[in-house]
Amino acid sequence: MSWTQVYVTGLSRAINPSDEEIEAYLCKRYSLTDAANSNSIGDDTAAATINNDSLMWAGEGSTLIKRDDSGCCRGFAFLTFYSPDG
């Protein structure tokens, strides 16, 4: 078993949206809660999904949104996944 962090770039460099809103967007955009049930990768207008039956998103509250001292998003985040296969 192992934990893996995935680096995500391209986030807005602003105070808003909140960490929770960013995480909810990433969850919906990449179907993180349904990752084991799908095998498609979508385009910009459809949800992309992660196809790996042995890879699970760590869940809400596990995403690390990097912010500066004034609270502005630095434009990147880390998603955490668990794999029982290592």
PDB file of N, CA and C in Angstrom:
ATOM      1  N   MET A   1       0.837  -1.176   0.000  1.00  0.00           N
ATOM      2  CA  MET A   1       0.000   0.000   0.000  1.00  0.00           C
ATOM      3  C   MET A   1       0.882   1.238   0.000  1.00  0.00           C
ATOM      4  N   SER A   2       0.399   2.287  -0.660  1.00  0.00           N
ATOM      5  CA  SER A   2       1.167   3.523  -0.710  1.00  0.00           C
ATOM      6  C   SER A   2       0.240   4.713  -0.936  1.00  0.00           C
ATOM      7  N   TRP A   3       0.755   5.884  -0.605  1.00  0.00           N
ATOM      8  CA  TRP A   3       0.057   7.136  -0.852  1.00  0.00           C
ATOM      9  C   TRP A   3       0.832   7.885  -1.915  1.00  0.00           C
ATOM     10  N   THR A   4       0.117   8.510  -2.847  1.00  0.00           N
ATOM     11  CA  THR A   4       0.741   9.265  -3.931  1.00  0.00           C
ATOM     12  C   THR A   4       0.102  10.639  -4.001  1.00  0.00           C
ATOM     13  N   GLN A   5       0.918  11.675  -4.139  1.00  0.00           N
ATOM     14  CA  GLN A   5       0.392  13.016  -4.327  1.00  0.00           C
ATOM     15  C   GLN A   5       0.552  13.398  -5.795  1.00  0.00           C
ATOM     16  N   VAL A   6      -0.503  13.987  -6.355  1.00  0.00           N
ATOM     17  CA  VAL A   6      -0.505  14.426  -7.744  1.00  0.00           C
ATOM     18  C   VAL A   6      -0.528  15.945  -7.760  1.00  0.00           C
ATOM     19  N   TYR A   7       0.409  16.528  -8.505  1.00  0.00           N
ATOM     20  CA  TYR A   7       0.558  17.971  -8.623  1.00  0.00           C
ATOM     21  C   TYR A   7      -0.406  18.484  -9.688  1.00  0.00           C
ATOM     22  N   VAL A   8      -1.266  19.462  -9.341  1.00  0.00           N
ATOM     23  CA  VAL A   8      -2.238  20.038 -10.261  1.00  0.00           C
ATOM     24  C   VAL A   8      -1.923  21.521 -10.422  1.00  0.00           C
ATOM     25  N   THR A   9      -1.767  21.979 -11.672  1.00  0.00           N
ATOM     26  CA  THR A   9      -1.482  23.393 -11.930  1.00  0.00           C
ATOM     27  C   THR A   9      -2.636  24.034 -12.680  1.00  0.00           C
ATOM     28  N   GLY A  10      -2.541  25.338 -12.879  1.00  0.00           N
ATOM     29  CA  GLY A  10      -3.531  26.063 -13.660  1.00  0.00           C
ATOM     30  C   GLY A  10      -4.674  26.639 -12.852  1.00  0.00           C
ATOM     31  N   LEU A  11      -4.554  26.628 -11.526  1.00  0.00           N
ATOM     32  CA  LEU A  11      -5.610  27.188 -10.679  1.00  0.00           C
ATOM     33  C   LEU A  11      -5.529  28.711 -10.670  1.00  0.00           C
ATOM     34  N   SER A  12      -6.647  29.340 -10.395  1.00  0.00           N
ATOM     35  CA  SER A  12      -6.712  30.796 -10.325  1.00  0.00           C
ATOM     36  C   SER A  12      -5.777  31.316  -9.232  1.00  0.00           C
ATOM     37  N   ARG A  13      -5.037  32.375  -9.534  1.00  0.00           N
ATOM     38  CA  ARG A  13      -4.136  32.984  -8.559  1.00  0.00           C
ATOM     39  C   ARG A  13      -4.865  34.135  -7.861  1.00  0.00           C
ATOM     40  N   ALA A  14      -5.836  33.768  -7.027  1.00  0.00           N
ATOM     41  CA  ALA A  14      -6.664  34.751  -6.332  1.00  0.00           C
ATOM     42  C   ALA A  14      -7.093  34.187  -4.983  1.00  0.00           C
ATOM     43  N   ILE A  15      -7.673  35.039  -4.164  1.00  0.00           N
ATOM     44  CA  ILE A  15      -8.161  34.597  -2.859  1.00  0.00           C
ATOM     45  C   ILE A  15      -9.369  33.680  -3.039  1.00  0.00           C
ATOM     46  N   ASN A  16     -10.264  34.037  -3.970  1.00  0.00           N
ATOM     47  CA  ASN A  16     -11.432  33.209  -4.264  1.00  0.00           C
ATOM     48  C   ASN A  16     -11.193  32.450  -5.556  1.00  0.00           C
ATOM     49  N   PRO A  17     -11.642  31.255  -5.685  1.00  0.00           N
ATOM     50  CA  PRO A  17     -12.531  30.511  -4.807  1.00  0.00           C
ATOM     51  C   PRO A  17     -11.817  29.950  -3.582  1.00  0.00           C
ATOM     52  N   SER A  18     -12.595  29.491  -2.630  1.00  0.00           N
ATOM     53  CA  SER A  18     -12.054  28.922  -1.396  1.00  0.00           C
ATOM     54  C   SER A  18     -11.439  27.549  -1.674  1.00  0.00           C
ATOM     55  N   ASP A  19     -10.707  27.041  -0.709  1.00  0.00           N
ATOM     56  CA  ASP A  19     -10.113  25.700  -0.836  1.00  0.00           C
ATOM     57  C   ASP A  19     -11.190  24.647  -1.082  1.00  0.00           C
ATOM     58  N   GLU A  20     -12.296  24.768  -0.369  1.00  0.00           N
ATOM     59  CA  GLU A  20     -13.382  23.804  -0.515  1.00  0.00           C
ATOM     60  C   GLU A  20     -13.991  23.854  -1.912  1.00  0.00           C
ATOM     61  N   GLU A  21     -14.133  25.069  -2.458  1.00  0.00           N
ATOM     62  CA  GLU A  21     -14.691  25.214  -3.805  1.00  0.00           C
ATOM     63  C   GLU A  21     -13.740  24.658  -4.859  1.00  0.00           C
ATOM     64  N   ILE A  22     -12.448  24.892  -4.685  1.00  0.00           N
ATOM     65  CA  ILE A  22     -11.454  24.342  -5.616  1.00  0.00           C
ATOM     66  C   ILE A  22     -11.491  22.824  -5.569  1.00  0.00           C
ATOM     67  N   GLU A  23     -11.507  22.268  -4.362  1.00  0.00           N
ATOM     68  CA  GLU A  23     -11.536  20.818  -4.216  1.00  0.00           C
ATOM     69  C   GLU A  23     -12.811  20.229  -4.835  1.00  0.00           C
ATOM     70  N   ALA A  24     -13.952  20.890  -4.625  1.00  0.00           N
ATOM     71  CA  ALA A  24     -15.212  20.419  -5.203  1.00  0.00           C
ATOM     72  C   ALA A  24     -15.151  20.463  -6.727  1.00  0.00           C
ATOM     73  N   TYR A  25     -14.537  21.513  -7.284  1.00  0.00           N
ATOM     74  CA  TYR A  25     -14.391  21.617  -8.739  1.00  0.00           C
ATOM     75  C   TYR A  25     -13.528  20.474  -9.266  1.00  0.00           C
ATOM     76  N   LEU A  26     -12.376  20.229  -8.635  1.00  0.00           N
ATOM     77  CA  LEU A  26     -11.488  19.151  -9.082  1.00  0.00           C
ATOM     78  C   LEU A  26     -12.177  17.797  -8.964  1.00  0.00           C
ATOM     79  N   CYS A  27     -12.921  17.597  -7.894  1.00  0.00           N
ATOM     80  CA  CYS A  27     -13.656  16.347  -7.690  1.00  0.00           C
ATOM     81  C   CYS A  27     -14.659  16.131  -8.809  1.00  0.00           C
ATOM     82  N   LYS A  28     -15.402  17.177  -9.155  1.00  0.00           N
ATOM     83  CA  LYS A  28     -16.402  17.065 -10.220  1.00  0.00           C
ATOM     84  C   LYS A  28     -15.725  16.932 -11.583  1.00  0.00           C
ATOM     85  N   ARG A  29     -14.719  17.754 -11.851  1.00  0.00           N
ATOM     86  CA  ARG A  29     -14.047  17.762 -13.162  1.00  0.00           C
ATOM     87  C   ARG A  29     -13.426  16.415 -13.494  1.00  0.00           C
ATOM     88  N   TYR A  30     -12.820  15.764 -12.492  1.00  0.00           N
ATOM     89  CA  TYR A  30     -12.118  14.502 -12.728  1.00  0.00           C
ATOM     90  C   TYR A  30     -12.848  13.299 -12.136  1.00  0.00           C
ATOM     91  N   SER A  31     -14.093  13.497 -11.727  1.00  0.00           N
ATOM     92  CA  SER A  31     -14.918  12.415 -11.166  1.00  0.00           C
ATOM     93  C   SER A  31     -14.137  11.602 -10.133  1.00  0.00           C
ATOM     94  N   LEU A  32     -13.536  12.293  -9.181  1.00  0.00           N
ATOM     95  CA  LEU A  32     -12.655  11.636  -8.218  1.00  0.00           C
ATOM     96  C   LEU A  32     -13.380  10.623  -7.350  1.00  0.00           C
ATOM     97  N   THR A  33     -14.620  10.882  -7.006  1.00  0.00           N
ATOM     98  CA  THR A  33     -15.340   9.937  -6.158  1.00  0.00           C
ATOM     99  C   THR A  33     -15.836   8.734  -6.943  1.00  0.00           C
ATOM    100  N   ASP A  34     -15.835   8.817  -8.267  1.00  0.00           N
ATOM    101  CA  ASP A  34     -16.274   7.721  -9.129  1.00  0.00           C
ATOM    102  C   ASP A  34     -15.107   7.124  -9.908  1.00  0.00           C
ATOM    103  N   ALA A  35     -13.875   7.355  -9.482  1.00  0.00           N
ATOM    104  CA  ALA A  35     -12.695   6.968 -10.255  1.00  0.00           C
ATOM    105  C   ALA A  35     -12.642   5.486 -10.575  1.00  0.00           C
ATOM    106  N   ALA A  36     -13.061   4.639  -9.674  1.00  0.00           N
ATOM    107  CA  ALA A  36     -12.971   3.197  -9.912  1.00  0.00           C
ATOM    108  C   ALA A  36     -14.091   2.683 -10.814  1.00  0.00           C
ATOM    109  N   ASN A  37     -15.087   3.518 -11.088  1.00  0.00           N
ATOM    110  CA  ASN A  37     -16.250   3.062 -11.843  1.00  0.00           C
ATOM    111  C   ASN A  37     -16.270   3.513 -13.291  1.00  0.00           C
ATOM    112  N   SER A  38     -15.230   4.216 -13.750  1.00  0.00           N
ATOM    113  CA  SER A  38     -15.263   4.750 -15.102  1.00  0.00           C
ATOM    114  C   SER A  38     -13.942   4.518 -15.802  1.00  0.00           C
ATOM    115  N   ASN A  39     -13.981   4.555 -17.126  1.00  0.00           N
ATOM    116  CA  ASN A  39     -12.752   4.349 -17.881  1.00  0.00           C
ATOM    117  C   ASN A  39     -12.585   5.367 -18.991  1.00  0.00           C
ATOM    118  N   SER A  40     -13.210   6.540 -18.856  1.00  0.00           N
ATOM    119  CA  SER A  40     -13.123   7.521 -19.929  1.00  0.00           C
ATOM    120  C   SER A  40     -12.316   8.739 -19.516  1.00  0.00           C
ATOM    121  N   ILE A  41     -11.746   9.367 -20.529  1.00  0.00           N
ATOM    122  CA  ILE A  41     -11.079  10.657 -20.346  1.00  0.00           C
ATOM    123  C   ILE A  41     -11.827  11.638 -21.231  1.00  0.00           C
ATOM    124  N   GLY A  42     -12.371  12.677 -20.627  1.00  0.00           N
ATOM    125  CA  GLY A  42     -13.179  13.627 -21.376  1.00  0.00           C
ATOM    126  C   GLY A  42     -12.376  14.789 -21.906  1.00  0.00           C
ATOM    127  N   ASP A  43     -13.045  15.666 -22.682  1.00  0.00           N
ATOM    128  CA  ASP A  43     -12.413  16.882 -23.152  1.00  0.00           C
ATOM    129  C   ASP A  43     -12.719  17.996 -22.162  1.00  0.00           C
ATOM    130  N   ASP A  44     -12.486  19.254 -22.556  1.00  0.00           N
ATOM    131  CA  ASP A  44     -12.684  20.368 -21.636  1.00  0.00           C
ATOM    132  C   ASP A  44     -14.138  20.566 -21.227  1.00  0.00           C
ATOM    133  N   THR A  45     -15.090  20.067 -22.015  1.00  0.00           N
ATOM    134  CA  THR A  45     -16.493  20.272 -21.681  1.00  0.00           C
ATOM    135  C   THR A  45     -17.093  19.094 -20.926  1.00  0.00           C
ATOM    136  N   ALA A  46     -16.410  17.976 -20.874  1.00  0.00           N
ATOM    137  CA  ALA A  46     -16.906  16.791 -20.173  1.00  0.00           C
ATOM    138  C   ALA A  46     -15.976  16.458 -19.026  1.00  0.00           C
ATOM    139  N   ALA A  47     -16.486  15.740 -18.064  1.00  0.00           N
ATOM    140  CA  ALA A  47     -15.664  15.354 -16.917  1.00  0.00           C
ATOM    141  C   ALA A  47     -14.660  14.285 -17.332  1.00  0.00           C
ATOM    142  N   ALA A  48     -13.403  14.496 -16.985  1.00  0.00           N
ATOM    143  CA  ALA A  48     -12.389  13.475 -17.195  1.00  0.00           C
ATOM    144  C   ALA A  48     -12.392  12.584 -15.973  1.00  0.00           C
ATOM    145  N   THR A  49     -12.067  11.331 -16.149  1.00  0.00           N
ATOM    146  CA  THR A  49     -12.042  10.426 -15.014  1.00  0.00           C
ATOM    147  C   THR A  49     -10.721   9.688 -14.964  1.00  0.00           C
ATOM    148  N   ILE A  50     -10.413   9.189 -13.809  1.00  0.00           N
ATOM    149  CA  ILE A  50      -9.200   8.410 -13.598  1.00  0.00           C
ATOM    150  C   ILE A  50      -9.584   6.953 -13.656  1.00  0.00           C
ATOM    151  N   ASN A  51      -8.947   6.218 -14.546  1.00  0.00           N
ATOM    152  CA  ASN A  51      -9.296   4.809 -14.722  1.00  0.00           C
ATOM    153  C   ASN A  51      -8.225   3.933 -14.091  1.00  0.00           C
ATOM    154  N   ASN A  52      -8.465   3.518 -12.886  1.00  0.00           N
ATOM    155  CA  ASN A  52      -7.547   2.608 -12.217  1.00  0.00           C
ATOM    156  C   ASN A  52      -8.303   2.007 -11.041  1.00  0.00           C
ATOM    157  N   ASP A  53      -8.634   0.727 -11.157  1.00  0.00           N
ATOM    158  CA  ASP A  53      -9.432   0.087 -10.118  1.00  0.00           C
ATOM    159  C   ASP A  53      -8.722   0.008  -8.774  1.00  0.00           C
ATOM    160  N   SER A  54      -7.405   0.172  -8.759  1.00  0.00           N
ATOM    161  CA  SER A  54      -6.677   0.062  -7.504  1.00  0.00           C
ATOM    162  C   SER A  54      -6.181   1.421  -7.009  1.00  0.00           C
ATOM    163  N   LEU A  55      -6.766   2.505  -7.518  1.00  0.00           N
ATOM    164  CA  LEU A  55      -6.369   3.854  -7.118  1.00  0.00           C
ATOM    165  C   LEU A  55      -7.587   4.578  -6.572  1.00  0.00           C
ATOM    166  N   MET A  56      -7.486   5.095  -5.341  1.00  0.00           N
ATOM    167  CA  MET A  56      -8.614   5.771  -4.714  1.00  0.00           C
ATOM    168  C   MET A  56      -8.200   7.145  -4.203  1.00  0.00           C
ATOM    169  N   TRP A  57      -9.038   8.159  -4.475  1.00  0.00           N
ATOM    170  CA  TRP A  57      -8.790   9.500  -3.965  1.00  0.00           C
ATOM    171  C   TRP A  57      -8.944   9.482  -2.456  1.00  0.00           C
ATOM    172  N   ALA A  58      -8.105  10.207  -1.747  1.00  0.00           N
ATOM    173  CA  ALA A  58      -8.135  10.220  -0.281  1.00  0.00           C
ATOM    174  C   ALA A  58      -9.406  10.867   0.273  1.00  0.00           C
ATOM    175  N   GLY A  59     -10.110  11.662  -0.515  1.00  0.00           N
ATOM    176  CA  GLY A  59     -11.388  12.213  -0.091  1.00  0.00           C
ATOM    177  C   GLY A  59     -11.362  13.692   0.230  1.00  0.00           C
ATOM    178  N   GLU A  60     -12.545  14.213   0.522  1.00  0.00           N
ATOM    179  CA  GLU A  60     -12.698  15.631   0.835  1.00  0.00           C
ATOM    180  C   GLU A  60     -11.821  16.027   2.013  1.00  0.00           C
ATOM    181  N   GLY A  61     -11.210  17.192   1.897  1.00  0.00           N
ATOM    182  CA  GLY A  61     -10.344  17.693   2.952  1.00  0.00           C
ATOM    183  C   GLY A  61      -8.905  17.245   2.829  1.00  0.00           C
ATOM    184  N   SER A  62      -8.601  16.373   1.867  1.00  0.00           N
ATOM    185  CA  SER A  62      -7.231  15.878   1.718  1.00  0.00           C
ATOM    186  C   SER A  62      -6.412  16.669   0.697  1.00  0.00           C
ATOM    187  N   THR A  63      -7.070  17.529  -0.083  1.00  0.00           N
ATOM    188  CA  THR A  63      -6.378  18.306  -1.113  1.00  0.00           C
ATOM    189  C   THR A  63      -5.635  19.471  -0.479  1.00  0.00           C
ATOM    190  N   LEU A  64      -4.374  19.645  -0.869  1.00  0.00           N
ATOM    191  CA  LEU A  64      -3.555  20.743  -0.356  1.00  0.00           C
ATOM    192  C   LEU A  64      -3.515  21.851  -1.397  1.00  0.00           C
ATOM    193  N   ILE A  65      -4.195  22.961  -1.115  1.00  0.00           N
ATOM    194  CA  ILE A  65      -4.197  24.131  -1.988  1.00  0.00           C
ATOM    195  C   ILE A  65      -3.111  25.064  -1.463  1.00  0.00           C
ATOM    196  N   LYS A  66      -2.115  25.348  -2.273  1.00  0.00           N
ATOM    197  CA  LYS A  66      -1.012  26.193  -1.814  1.00  0.00           C
ATOM    198  C   LYS A  66      -1.386  27.663  -1.952  1.00  0.00           C
ATOM    199  N   ARG A  67      -1.247  28.410  -0.843  1.00  0.00           N
ATOM    200  CA  ARG A  67      -1.582  29.838  -0.815  1.00  0.00           C
ATOM    201  C   ARG A  67      -0.411  30.647  -0.263  1.00  0.00           C
ATOM    202  N   ASP A  68      -0.332  31.923  -0.668  1.00  0.00           N
ATOM    203  CA  ASP A  68       0.729  32.790  -0.160  1.00  0.00           C
ATOM    204  C   ASP A  68       0.289  33.429   1.161  1.00  0.00           C
ATOM    205  N   ASP A  69       1.125  34.304   1.699  1.00  0.00           N
ATOM    206  CA  ASP A  69       0.840  34.920   2.999  1.00  0.00           C
ATOM    207  C   ASP A  69      -0.424  35.775   3.009  1.00  0.00           C
ATOM    208  N   SER A  70      -0.821  36.305   1.841  1.00  0.00           N
ATOM    209  CA  SER A  70      -2.030  37.129   1.789  1.00  0.00           C
ATOM    210  C   SER A  70      -3.280  36.301   1.489  1.00  0.00           C
ATOM    211  N   GLY A  71      -3.133  34.985   1.368  1.00  0.00           N
ATOM    212  CA  GLY A  71      -4.269  34.105   1.152  1.00  0.00           C
ATOM    213  C   GLY A  71      -4.591  33.816  -0.299  1.00  0.00           C
ATOM    214  N   CYS A  72      -3.782  34.348  -1.230  1.00  0.00           N
ATOM    215  CA  CYS A  72      -4.022  34.093  -2.651  1.00  0.00           C
ATOM    216  C   CYS A  72      -3.487  32.716  -3.032  1.00  0.00           C
ATOM    217  N   CYS A  73      -4.270  32.020  -3.828  1.00  0.00           N
ATOM    218  CA  CYS A  73      -3.837  30.720  -4.335  1.00  0.00           C
ATOM    219  C   CYS A  73      -2.588  30.920  -5.192  1.00  0.00           C
ATOM    220  N   ARG A  74      -1.612  30.062  -5.032  1.00  0.00           N
ATOM    221  CA  ARG A  74      -0.385  30.141  -5.825  1.00  0.00           C
ATOM    222  C   ARG A  74      -0.535  29.490  -7.191  1.00  0.00           C
ATOM    223  N   GLY A  75      -1.719  28.967  -7.490  1.00  0.00           N
ATOM    224  CA  GLY A  75      -1.970  28.395  -8.801  1.00  0.00           C
ATOM    225  C   GLY A  75      -1.763  26.901  -8.891  1.00  0.00           C
ATOM    226  N   PHE A  76      -1.480  26.267  -7.745  1.00  0.00           N
ATOM    227  CA  PHE A  76      -1.311  24.811  -7.786  1.00  0.00           C
ATOM    228  C   PHE A  76      -1.805  24.160  -6.507  1.00  0.00           C
ATOM    229  N   ALA A  77      -1.994  22.840  -6.610  1.00  0.00           N
ATOM    230  CA  ALA A  77      -2.497  22.054  -5.489  1.00  0.00           C
ATOM    231  C   ALA A  77      -1.969  20.637  -5.601  1.00  0.00           C
ATOM    232  N   PHE A  78      -2.140  19.872  -4.540  1.00  0.00           N
ATOM    233  CA  PHE A  78      -1.767  18.468  -4.520  1.00  0.00           C
ATOM    234  C   PHE A  78      -2.977  17.627  -4.149  1.00  0.00           C
ATOM    235  N   LEU A  79      -3.293  16.635  -4.983  1.00  0.00           N
ATOM    236  CA  LEU A  79      -4.343  15.663  -4.691  1.00  0.00           C
ATOM    237  C   LEU A  79      -3.669  14.407  -4.168  1.00  0.00           C
ATOM    238  N   THR A  80      -4.271  13.751  -3.209  1.00  0.00           N
ATOM    239  CA  THR A  80      -3.688  12.561  -2.612  1.00  0.00           C
ATOM    240  C   THR A  80      -4.516  11.334  -2.976  1.00  0.00           C
ATOM    241  N   PHE A  81      -3.802  10.265  -3.399  1.00  0.00           N
ATOM    242  CA  PHE A  81      -4.440   9.013  -3.774  1.00  0.00           C
ATOM    243  C   PHE A  81      -3.820   7.867  -3.012  1.00  0.00           C
ATOM    244  N   TYR A  82      -4.613   6.849  -2.752  1.00  0.00           N
ATOM    245  CA  TYR A  82      -4.187   5.651  -2.053  1.00  0.00           C
ATOM    246  C   TYR A  82      -4.198   4.480  -3.033  1.00  0.00           C
ATOM    247  N   SER A  83      -3.166   3.671  -2.985  1.00  0.00           N
ATOM    248  CA  SER A  83      -3.120   2.485  -3.824  1.00  0.00           C
ATOM    249  C   SER A  83      -2.743   1.284  -2.960  1.00  0.00           C
ATOM    250  N   PRO A  84      -3.605   0.280  -2.860  1.00  0.00           N
ATOM    251  CA  PRO A  84      -3.268  -0.905  -2.067  1.00  0.00           C
ATOM    252  C   PRO A  84      -2.189  -1.747  -2.735  1.00  0.00           C
ATOM    253  N   ASP A  85      -1.965  -1.521  -4.046  1.00  0.00           N
ATOM    254  CA  ASP A  85      -0.964  -2.296  -4.784  1.00  0.00           C
ATOM    255  C   ASP A  85       0.449  -1.763  -4.598  1.00  0.00           C
ATOM    256  N   GLY A  86       0.592  -0.569  -4.045  1.00  0.00           N
ATOM    257  CA  GLY A  86       1.914   0.015  -3.845  1.00  0.00           C
ATOM    258  C   GLY A  86       2.316   0.783  -5.007  1.00  0.00           C
TER     259      GLY A  86
END
